[in-house]
Each structure stands twice: as structure tokens, then as C-alpha cells.
C-alpha atoms as a PDB file:
ATOM      1  CA  UNK A   1     -33.080   3.857  26.371  1.00  0.00           C
ATOM      2  CA  UNK A   2     -34.336   2.257  23.159  1.00  0.00           C
ATOM      3  CA  UNK A   3     -31.408   3.709  21.257  1.00  0.00           C
ATOM      4  CA  UNK A   4     -28.983   1.911  23.568  1.00  0.00           C
ATOM      5  CA  UNK A   5     -30.592  -1.497  23.133  1.00  0.00           C
ATOM      6  CA  UNK A   6     -31.352  -1.359  19.409  1.00  0.00           C
ATOM      7  CA  UNK A   7     -27.877  -2.377  18.204  1.00  0.00           C
ATOM      8  CA  UNK A   8     -27.876  -5.417  20.513  1.00  0.00           C
ATOM      9  CA  UNK A   9     -31.365  -6.454  19.415  1.00  0.00           C
ATOM     10  CA  UNK A  10     -30.473  -6.051  15.735  1.00  0.00           C
ATOM     11  CA  UNK A  11     -27.238  -7.986  16.199  1.00  0.00           C
ATOM     12  CA  UNK A  12     -29.079 -10.826  17.916  1.00  0.00           C
ATOM     13  CA  UNK A  13     -31.679 -11.000  15.136  1.00  0.00           C
ATOM     14  CA  UNK A  14     -28.944 -11.063  12.535  1.00  0.00           C
ATOM     15  CA  UNK A  15     -27.108 -13.838  14.354  1.00  0.00           C
ATOM     16  CA  UNK A  16     -30.304 -15.902  14.441  1.00  0.00           C
ATOM     17  CA  UNK A  17     -30.907 -15.240  10.745  1.00  0.00           C
ATOM     18  CA  UNK A  18     -27.337 -16.219   9.868  1.00  0.00           C
ATOM     19  CA  UNK A  19     -27.529 -19.415  11.903  1.00  0.00           C
ATOM     20  CA  UNK A  20     -30.828 -20.339  10.256  1.00  0.00           C
ATOM     21  CA  UNK A  21     -29.400 -19.721   6.782  1.00  0.00           C
ATOM     22  CA  UNK A  22     -26.330 -21.874   7.518  1.00  0.00           C
ATOM     23  CA  UNK A  23     -28.521 -24.738   8.764  1.00  0.00           C
ATOM     24  CA  UNK A  24     -31.029 -24.615   5.912  1.00  0.00           C
ATOM     25  CA  UNK A  25     -28.944 -23.532   2.930  1.00  0.00           C
ATOM     26  CA  UNK A  26     -25.227 -23.999   3.311  1.00  0.00           C
ATOM     27  CA  UNK A  27     -25.432 -27.754   3.703  1.00  0.00           C
ATOM     28  CA  UNK A  28     -28.106 -28.201   1.009  1.00  0.00           C
ATOM     29  CA  UNK A  29     -26.542 -26.641  -2.044  1.00  0.00           C
ATOM     30  CA  UNK A  30     -27.320 -27.611  -5.667  1.00  0.00           C
ATOM     31  CA  UNK A  31     -25.420 -30.554  -7.122  1.00  0.00           C
ATOM     32  CA  UNK A  32     -23.351 -28.406  -9.469  1.00  0.00           C
ATOM     33  CA  UNK A  33     -21.980 -26.378  -6.531  1.00  0.00           C
ATOM     34  CA  UNK A  34     -21.844 -29.072  -3.883  1.00  0.00           C
ATOM     35  CA  UNK A  35     -18.825 -29.434  -1.658  1.00  0.00           C
ATOM     36  CA  UNK A  36     -16.279 -31.563  -3.556  1.00  0.00           C
ATOM     37  CA  UNK A  37     -16.102 -35.245  -2.794  1.00  0.00           C
ATOM     38  CA  UNK A  38     -13.207 -36.946  -1.021  1.00  0.00           C
ATOM     39  CA  UNK A  39     -11.335 -37.527  -4.288  1.00  0.00           C
ATOM     40  CA  UNK A  40     -10.577 -33.798  -4.408  1.00  0.00           C
ATOM     41  CA  UNK A  41      -9.867 -33.406  -0.697  1.00  0.00           C
ATOM     42  CA  UNK A  42      -6.221 -34.420  -0.884  1.00  0.00           C
ATOM     43  CA  UNK A  43      -2.839 -33.015  -1.803  1.00  0.00           C
ATOM     44  CA  UNK A  44      -2.953 -33.717  -5.531  1.00  0.00           C
ATOM     45  CA  UNK A  45      -3.909 -31.324  -8.278  1.00  0.00           C
ATOM     46  CA  UNK A  46      -3.458 -27.558  -8.488  1.00  0.00           C
ATOM     47  CA  UNK A  47      -1.840 -25.606  -5.681  1.00  0.00           C
ATOM     48  CA  UNK A  48      -3.600 -22.589  -4.205  1.00  0.00           C
ATOM     49  CA  UNK A  49      -1.206 -19.922  -2.947  1.00  0.00           C
ATOM     50  CA  UNK A  50      -2.345 -17.584  -0.201  1.00  0.00           C
ATOM     51  CA  UNK A  51      -0.532 -14.236  -0.164  1.00  0.00           C
ATOM     52  CA  UNK A  52      -0.320 -12.553   3.238  1.00  0.00           C
ATOM     53  CA  UNK A  53       1.218  -9.112   3.885  1.00  0.00           C
ATOM     54  CA  UNK A  54       2.360  -8.338   7.425  1.00  0.00           C
ATOM     55  CA  UNK A  55       3.212  -4.668   7.775  1.00  0.00           C
ATOM     56  CA  UNK A  56       1.850  -3.043  10.928  1.00  0.00           C
ATOM     57  CA  UNK A  57      -0.062  -6.160  11.937  1.00  0.00           C
ATOM     58  CA  UNK A  58       0.918  -8.338  14.843  1.00  0.00           C
ATOM     59  CA  UNK A  59       2.744 -11.481  13.763  1.00  0.00           C
ATOM     60  CA  UNK A  60       0.813 -13.378  16.419  1.00  0.00           C
ATOM     61  CA  UNK A  61      -2.456 -12.755  14.546  1.00  0.00           C
ATOM     62  CA  UNK A  62      -1.062 -14.900  11.730  1.00  0.00           C
ATOM     63  CA  UNK A  63      -1.586 -18.023  13.823  1.00  0.00           C
ATOM     64  CA  UNK A  64      -5.380 -17.660  13.590  1.00  0.00           C
ATOM     65  CA  UNK A  65      -5.173 -17.694   9.807  1.00  0.00           C
ATOM     66  CA  UNK A  66      -2.706 -20.572   9.698  1.00  0.00           C
ATOM     67  CA  UNK A  67      -4.972 -22.675  11.901  1.00  0.00           C
ATOM     68  CA  UNK A  68      -7.833 -22.220   9.434  1.00  0.00           C
ATOM     69  CA  UNK A  69      -5.469 -23.318   6.653  1.00  0.00           C
ATOM     70  CA  UNK A  70      -4.400 -26.422   8.548  1.00  0.00           C
ATOM     71  CA  UNK A  71      -8.090 -27.253   8.959  1.00  0.00           C
ATOM     72  CA  UNK A  72      -8.616 -27.316   5.167  1.00  0.00           C
ATOM     73  CA  UNK A  73     -10.057 -30.550   3.787  1.00  0.00           C
ATOM     74  CA  UNK A  74      -7.779 -30.118   0.755  1.00  0.00           C
ATOM     75  CA  UNK A  75      -4.159 -29.676   1.799  1.00  0.00           C
ATOM     76  CA  UNK A  76      -2.830 -28.602  -1.586  1.00  0.00           C
ATOM     77  CA  UNK A  77      -2.065 -25.031  -0.546  1.00  0.00           C
ATOM     78  CA  UNK A  78       0.932 -22.913   0.268  1.00  0.00           C
ATOM     79  CA  UNK A  79       1.405 -19.579   2.023  1.00  0.00           C
ATOM     80  CA  UNK A  80       3.741 -16.795   0.934  1.00  0.00           C
ATOM     81  CA  UNK A  81       4.093 -14.141   3.631  1.00  0.00           C
ATOM     82  CA  UNK A  82       5.714 -10.758   3.073  1.00  0.00           C
ATOM     83  CA  UNK A  83       6.941  -9.305   6.365  1.00  0.00           C
ATOM     84  CA  UNK A  84       8.137  -5.751   6.946  1.00  0.00           C
ATOM     85  CA  UNK A  85      11.695  -5.931   8.273  1.00  0.00           C
ATOM     86  CA  UNK A  86      10.790  -3.253  10.813  1.00  0.00           C
ATOM     87  CA  UNK A  87       8.448  -5.804  12.356  1.00  0.00           C
ATOM     88  CA  UNK A  88      11.351  -8.205  12.845  1.00  0.00           C
ATOM     89  CA  UNK A  89      13.800  -6.032  14.772  1.00  0.00           C
ATOM     90  CA  UNK A  90      13.297  -8.012  17.936  1.00  0.00           C
ATOM     91  CA  UNK A  91      14.528 -11.549  18.457  1.00  0.00           C
ATOM     92  CA  UNK A  92      11.191 -12.895  19.819  1.00  0.00           C
ATOM     93  CA  UNK A  93       9.431 -12.076  16.554  1.00  0.00           C
ATOM     94  CA  UNK A  94      12.146 -13.748  14.477  1.00  0.00           C
ATOM     95  CA  UNK A  95      11.950 -16.785  16.739  1.00  0.00           C
ATOM     96  CA  UNK A  96       8.170 -16.889  16.313  1.00  0.00           C
ATOM     97  CA  UNK A  97       8.470 -16.756  12.514  1.00  0.00           C
ATOM     98  CA  UNK A  98      11.090 -19.507  12.532  1.00  0.00           C
ATOM     99  CA  UNK A  99       8.864 -21.665  14.737  1.00  0.00           C
ATOM    100  CA  UNK A 100       5.859 -21.183  12.456  1.00  0.00           C
ATOM    101  CA  UNK A 101       7.918 -22.113   9.396  1.00  0.00           C
ATOM    102  CA  UNK A 102       9.407 -25.181  11.088  1.00  0.00           C
ATOM    103  CA  UNK A 103       5.902 -26.528  11.660  1.00  0.00           C
ATOM    104  CA  UNK A 104       4.925 -26.492   7.984  1.00  0.00           C
ATOM    105  CA  UNK A 105       7.131 -26.456   4.884  1.00  0.00           C
ATOM    106  CA  UNK A 106       4.280 -24.868   2.902  1.00  0.00           C
ATOM    107  CA  UNK A 107       4.878 -21.595   4.731  1.00  0.00           C
ATOM    108  CA  UNK A 108       7.537 -19.236   3.315  1.00  0.00           C
ATOM    109  CA  UNK A 109       8.579 -15.731   4.341  1.00  0.00           C
ATOM    110  CA  UNK A 110       9.866 -12.855   2.276  1.00  0.00           C
ATOM    111  CA  UNK A 111      11.194  -9.707   3.952  1.00  0.00           C
ATOM    112  CA  UNK A 112      10.560  -6.194   2.706  1.00  0.00           C
ATOM    113  CA  UNK A 113      11.899  -2.766   3.651  1.00  0.00           C
ATOM    114  CA  UNK A 114       8.495  -1.168   3.175  1.00  0.00           C
ATOM    115  CA  UNK A 115       6.477  -0.435   6.277  1.00  0.00           C
ATOM    116  CA  UNK A 116       3.256   0.867   4.760  1.00  0.00           C
ATOM    117  CA  UNK A 117       3.025  -0.096   1.070  1.00  0.00           C
ATOM    118  CA  UNK A 118       0.768  -3.109   0.933  1.00  0.00           C
ATOM    119  CA  UNK A 119       1.068  -3.363  -2.849  1.00  0.00           C
ATOM    120  CA  UNK A 120       4.828  -3.824  -2.658  1.00  0.00           C
ATOM    121  CA  UNK A 121       4.415  -6.443   0.051  1.00  0.00           C
ATOM    122  CA  UNK A 122       1.851  -8.359  -2.006  1.00  0.00           C
ATOM    123  CA  UNK A 123       4.078  -8.312  -5.080  1.00  0.00           C
ATOM    124  CA  UNK A 124       6.966  -9.632  -3.004  1.00  0.00           C
ATOM    125  CA  UNK A 125       4.796 -12.461  -1.732  1.00  0.00           C
ATOM    126  CA  UNK A 126       3.617 -13.136  -5.290  1.00  0.00           C
ATOM    127  CA  UNK A 127       7.219 -13.478  -6.459  1.00  0.00           C
ATOM    128  CA  UNK A 128       7.590 -16.604  -4.345  1.00  0.00           C
ATOM    129  CA  UNK A 129       4.266 -18.181  -5.337  1.00  0.00           C
ATOM    130  CA  UNK A 130       4.088 -21.526  -7.159  1.00  0.00           C
ATOM    131  CA  UNK A 131       0.344 -22.113  -7.164  1.00  0.00           C
ATOM    132  CA  UNK A 132      -1.999 -22.186 -10.135  1.00  0.00           C
ATOM    133  CA  UNK A 133      -4.262 -19.815  -8.210  1.00  0.00           C
ATOM    134  CA  UNK A 134      -3.231 -17.002  -5.855  1.00  0.00           C
ATOM    135  CA  UNK A 135      -5.495 -15.360  -3.272  1.00  0.00           C
ATOM    136  CA  UNK A 136      -4.887 -12.499  -0.846  1.00  0.00           C
ATOM    137  CA  UNK A 137      -5.743 -12.839   2.831  1.00  0.00           C
ATOM    138  CA  UNK A 138      -4.774 -10.784   5.860  1.00  0.00           C
ATOM    139  CA  UNK A 139      -3.526 -11.877   9.277  1.00  0.00           C
ATOM    140  CA  UNK A 140      -6.497 -12.940  11.430  1.00  0.00           C
ATOM    141  CA  UNK A 141      -8.639 -13.830   8.383  1.00  0.00           C
ATOM    142  CA  UNK A 142     -10.345 -17.209   8.793  1.00  0.00           C
ATOM    143  CA  UNK A 143     -11.081 -19.543   5.906  1.00  0.00           C
ATOM    144  CA  UNK A 144     -13.962 -21.996   5.677  1.00  0.00           C
ATOM    145  CA  UNK A 145     -12.577 -25.575   5.933  1.00  0.00           C
ATOM    146  CA  UNK A 146     -13.701 -26.329   2.360  1.00  0.00           C
ATOM    147  CA  UNK A 147     -12.211 -23.186   0.780  1.00  0.00           C
ATOM    148  CA  UNK A 148      -9.267 -24.816  -0.980  1.00  0.00           C
ATOM    149  CA  UNK A 149     -11.380 -27.798  -2.065  1.00  0.00           C
ATOM    150  CA  UNK A 150     -14.001 -25.456  -3.528  1.00  0.00           C
ATOM    151  CA  UNK A 151     -11.366 -23.519  -5.474  1.00  0.00           C
ATOM    152  CA  UNK A 152      -9.755 -26.672  -6.852  1.00  0.00           C
ATOM    153  CA  UNK A 153     -13.182 -28.031  -7.792  1.00  0.00           C
ATOM    154  CA  UNK A 154     -14.206 -24.751  -9.470  1.00  0.00           C
ATOM    155  CA  UNK A 155     -10.972 -24.650 -11.458  1.00  0.00           C
ATOM    156  CA  UNK A 156     -11.508 -28.247 -12.531  1.00  0.00           C
ATOM    157  CA  UNK A 157     -15.066 -27.535 -13.725  1.00  0.00           C
ATOM    158  CA  UNK A 158     -14.179 -24.191 -15.336  1.00  0.00           C
ATOM    159  CA  UNK A 159     -10.585 -24.405 -16.602  1.00  0.00           C
ATOM    160  CA  UNK A 160     -11.224 -21.437 -18.912  1.00  0.00           C
ATOM    161  CA  UNK A 161     -11.746 -19.064 -15.972  1.00  0.00           C
ATOM    162  CA  UNK A 162      -9.005 -16.872 -14.497  1.00  0.00           C
ATOM    163  CA  UNK A 163     -10.765 -15.326 -11.485  1.00  0.00           C
ATOM    164  CA  UNK A 164     -12.861 -17.002  -8.798  1.00  0.00           C
ATOM    165  CA  UNK A 165     -14.579 -15.257  -5.899  1.00  0.00           C
ATOM    166  CA  UNK A 166     -16.699 -16.271  -2.937  1.00  0.00           C
ATOM    167  CA  UNK A 167     -19.202 -14.884  -0.472  1.00  0.00           C
ATOM    168  CA  UNK A 168     -17.759 -13.596   2.791  1.00  0.00           C
ATOM    169  CA  UNK A 169     -18.784 -13.059   6.378  1.00  0.00           C
ATOM    170  CA  UNK A 170     -17.751 -11.354   9.598  1.00  0.00           C
ATOM    171  CA  UNK A 171     -17.020 -13.304  12.781  1.00  0.00           C
ATOM    172  CA  UNK A 172     -17.643 -11.845  16.230  1.00  0.00           C
ATOM    173  CA  UNK A 173     -15.709 -12.387  19.456  1.00  0.00           C
ATOM    174  CA  UNK A 174     -17.739 -15.556  20.091  1.00  0.00           C
ATOM    175  CA  UNK A 175     -16.679 -16.981  16.716  1.00  0.00           C
ATOM    176  CA  UNK A 176     -20.219 -16.596  15.375  1.00  0.00           C
ATOM    177  CA  UNK A 177     -20.866 -15.563  11.786  1.00  0.00           C
ATOM    178  CA  UNK A 178     -22.903 -12.369  11.952  1.00  0.00           C
ATOM    179  CA  UNK A 179     -22.649 -10.270   8.801  1.00  0.00           C
ATOM    180  CA  UNK A 180     -22.720 -12.210   5.496  1.00  0.00           C
ATOM    181  CA  UNK A 181     -22.073 -10.600   2.148  1.00  0.00           C
ATOM    182  CA  UNK A 182     -23.742 -12.641  -0.585  1.00  0.00           C
ATOM    183  CA  UNK A 183     -22.376 -11.676  -3.987  1.00  0.00           C
ATOM    184  CA  UNK A 184     -23.923 -11.813  -7.411  1.00  0.00           C
ATOM    185  CA  UNK A 185     -22.602 -13.545 -10.474  1.00  0.00           C
ATOM    186  CA  UNK A 186     -19.983 -11.465 -12.246  1.00  0.00           C
ATOM    187  CA  UNK A 187     -21.259  -7.915 -12.693  1.00  0.00           C
ATOM    188  CA  UNK A 188     -18.983  -5.660 -14.737  1.00  0.00           C
ATOM    189  CA  UNK A 189     -21.023  -2.519 -14.022  1.00  0.00           C
ATOM    190  CA  UNK A 190     -20.956  -3.115 -10.274  1.00  0.00           C
ATOM    191  CA  UNK A 191     -17.217  -3.705 -10.444  1.00  0.00           C
ATOM    192  CA  UNK A 192     -16.781  -0.271 -12.007  1.00  0.00           C
ATOM    193  CA  UNK A 193     -18.306   1.317  -8.908  1.00  0.00           C
ATOM    194  CA  UNK A 194     -16.834  -0.795  -6.115  1.00  0.00           C
ATOM    195  CA  UNK A 195     -14.413  -3.621  -5.455  1.00  0.00           C
ATOM    196  CA  UNK A 196     -17.216  -6.035  -4.658  1.00  0.00           C
ATOM    197  CA  UNK A 197     -15.143  -9.196  -5.224  1.00  0.00           C
ATOM    198  CA  UNK A 198     -13.487  -8.793  -1.824  1.00  0.00           C
ATOM    199  CA  UNK A 199     -12.695 -11.897   0.173  1.00  0.00           C
ATOM    200  CA  UNK A 200     -12.048 -14.402  -1.038  1.00  0.00           C
ATOM    201  CA  UNK A 201     -10.857 -13.755  -4.590  1.00  0.00           C
ATOM    202  CA  UNK A 202      -8.462 -16.163  -6.254  1.00  0.00           C
ATOM    203  CA  UNK A 203      -6.676 -15.192  -9.451  1.00  0.00           C
ATOM    204  CA  UNK A 204      -4.799 -17.365 -11.889  1.00  0.00           C
ATOM    205  CA  UNK A 205      -1.216 -16.630 -10.884  1.00  0.00           C
ATOM    206  CA  UNK A 206       0.030 -16.243 -14.447  1.00  0.00           C
ATOM    207  CA  UNK A 207      -2.647 -13.585 -15.025  1.00  0.00           C
ATOM    208  CA  UNK A 208      -1.456 -11.611 -11.999  1.00  0.00           C
ATOM    209  CA  UNK A 209       2.104 -11.801 -13.288  1.00  0.00           C
ATOM    210  CA  UNK A 210       1.028 -10.831 -16.815  1.00  0.00           C
ATOM    211  CA  UNK A 211      -0.619  -7.597 -15.650  1.00  0.00           C
ATOM    212  CA  UNK A 212       2.387  -6.683 -13.512  1.00  0.00           C
ATOM    213  CA  UNK A 213       1.079  -7.683 -10.125  1.00  0.00           C
ATOM    214  CA  UNK A 214      -0.637  -5.328  -7.701  1.00  0.00           C
ATOM    215  CA  UNK A 215      -0.780  -1.542  -8.203  1.00  0.00           C
ATOM    216  CA  UNK A 216       1.482  -0.041  -5.541  1.00  0.00           C
ATOM    217  CA  UNK A 217       0.187   3.490  -6.228  1.00  0.00           C
ATOM    218  CA  UNK A 218      -3.391   2.573  -5.283  1.00  0.00           C
ATOM    219  CA  UNK A 219      -2.823   2.606  -1.540  1.00  0.00           C
ATOM    220  CA  UNK A 220      -5.745   0.983   0.221  1.00  0.00           C
ATOM    221  CA  UNK A 221      -7.191  -0.416  -3.021  1.00  0.00           C
ATOM    222  CA  UNK A 222      -4.350  -2.575  -4.310  1.00  0.00           C
ATOM    223  CA  UNK A 223      -6.545  -5.598  -4.963  1.00  0.00           C
ATOM    224  CA  UNK A 224      -9.272  -3.509  -6.583  1.00  0.00           C
END
């Protein structure tokens, strides 16, 4: 029936539209927002800390995220992972965590008793952060290869700013970008109605610490 085929047709049209936008727009941005040059794509300058909570998630899904980090053009990042101890009761999981950490010294683990409080896990991860900026990502999230370079460049051009946020997208099983969310410039009224900042939002770490970290009582909306 038409109802059965509509979702597929709409998805295909959206994929085509996304691909066309990437080809025509993403690689032809204005000079003031262009991808940073090679001088910023190194391991000098500010560190960006990525905070990752692993509660009920599979530890194996972390590898997808770590691969996207290793593909960053700017390697000045670190990862602080908060892992629920309940997830680590079996030796294979502990061995997997140890193997991941042995591959990259920028990856650190903190262990928490909580099994379902994401705010507590994020605050634990934040306690081990050293970066100038801190951003929250989840296991299986994938970062654009220029993410860290963009953040470092934005901080360099706007040292007075404390919060930076980006557009985001969904990736399907074929690794195609299919559902972009293009965000406006900062909109205080919109922020009062929804947490539109979403992924990826990077905060100045000292600001996060100053306000007391993430709200543990706002379950499901800790970042908001």
C-alpha cells in the first residue's frame, strides 16, 4: 500500500537532500567559519575533554566513539569515562576496558556505584577532566573529524565565550547522514522551551565546576 512505502520514499528523498547539502554547502563555508588550517590541527593549544557515561550501555559501543576521536584532525583531546561498577562484574568487560586504556593514554576511567543516575556519572567524569572545554557524548556517538579543530578554533576566535554548540545529525545503518538538525544562533527564548543545544555542546570546564556540575535530580535532562 502507499502507506507502507511512504516512509521509505521520504527517507530516500531526505538522504538525497542531505547528500546534496553536504556536497554544496559543507565544503564551501564562509571564511570566518572555515575549517581551521593545519596550524591548528595538532596537539598544541587547549584540550577538549569528552565526558562519557556508561551505565546500562554496552562497553563495546564505546569503540565506535573512540574511533571517531582517533580520526580527529586535532589530537588535543582527552576522554573521561564514568562506568557503572555493575557493568564491570565480569572479567571480560574489565579486560576490554584495560585494553582500550592501554591503546591511548588520553582515555581514563572512573567507576561509580550508580546504575541509573546519569548526572552522578557525568559529575564523576567531570572530576577527572583537565580540558579547557568539556563536552558530553554517549557511547556510539560519532564525531565529525574536524570537531576538535573547530572547537579549538572557535575558542581562539572567541575567548570571551563559555559555551559552544554545533549542528547535529543522525546516521543510519549504512553510515549515511539522514536527519540533520540545523540550529540557530543563540536563542534564549527557545532555550526556555527546549534543550535545543543538544549535541555537540562544549562548555568551559571552569564554568561547569562553578555551577556545581550537572543536576542529578533532573533525570533525563541533566545537560539541559
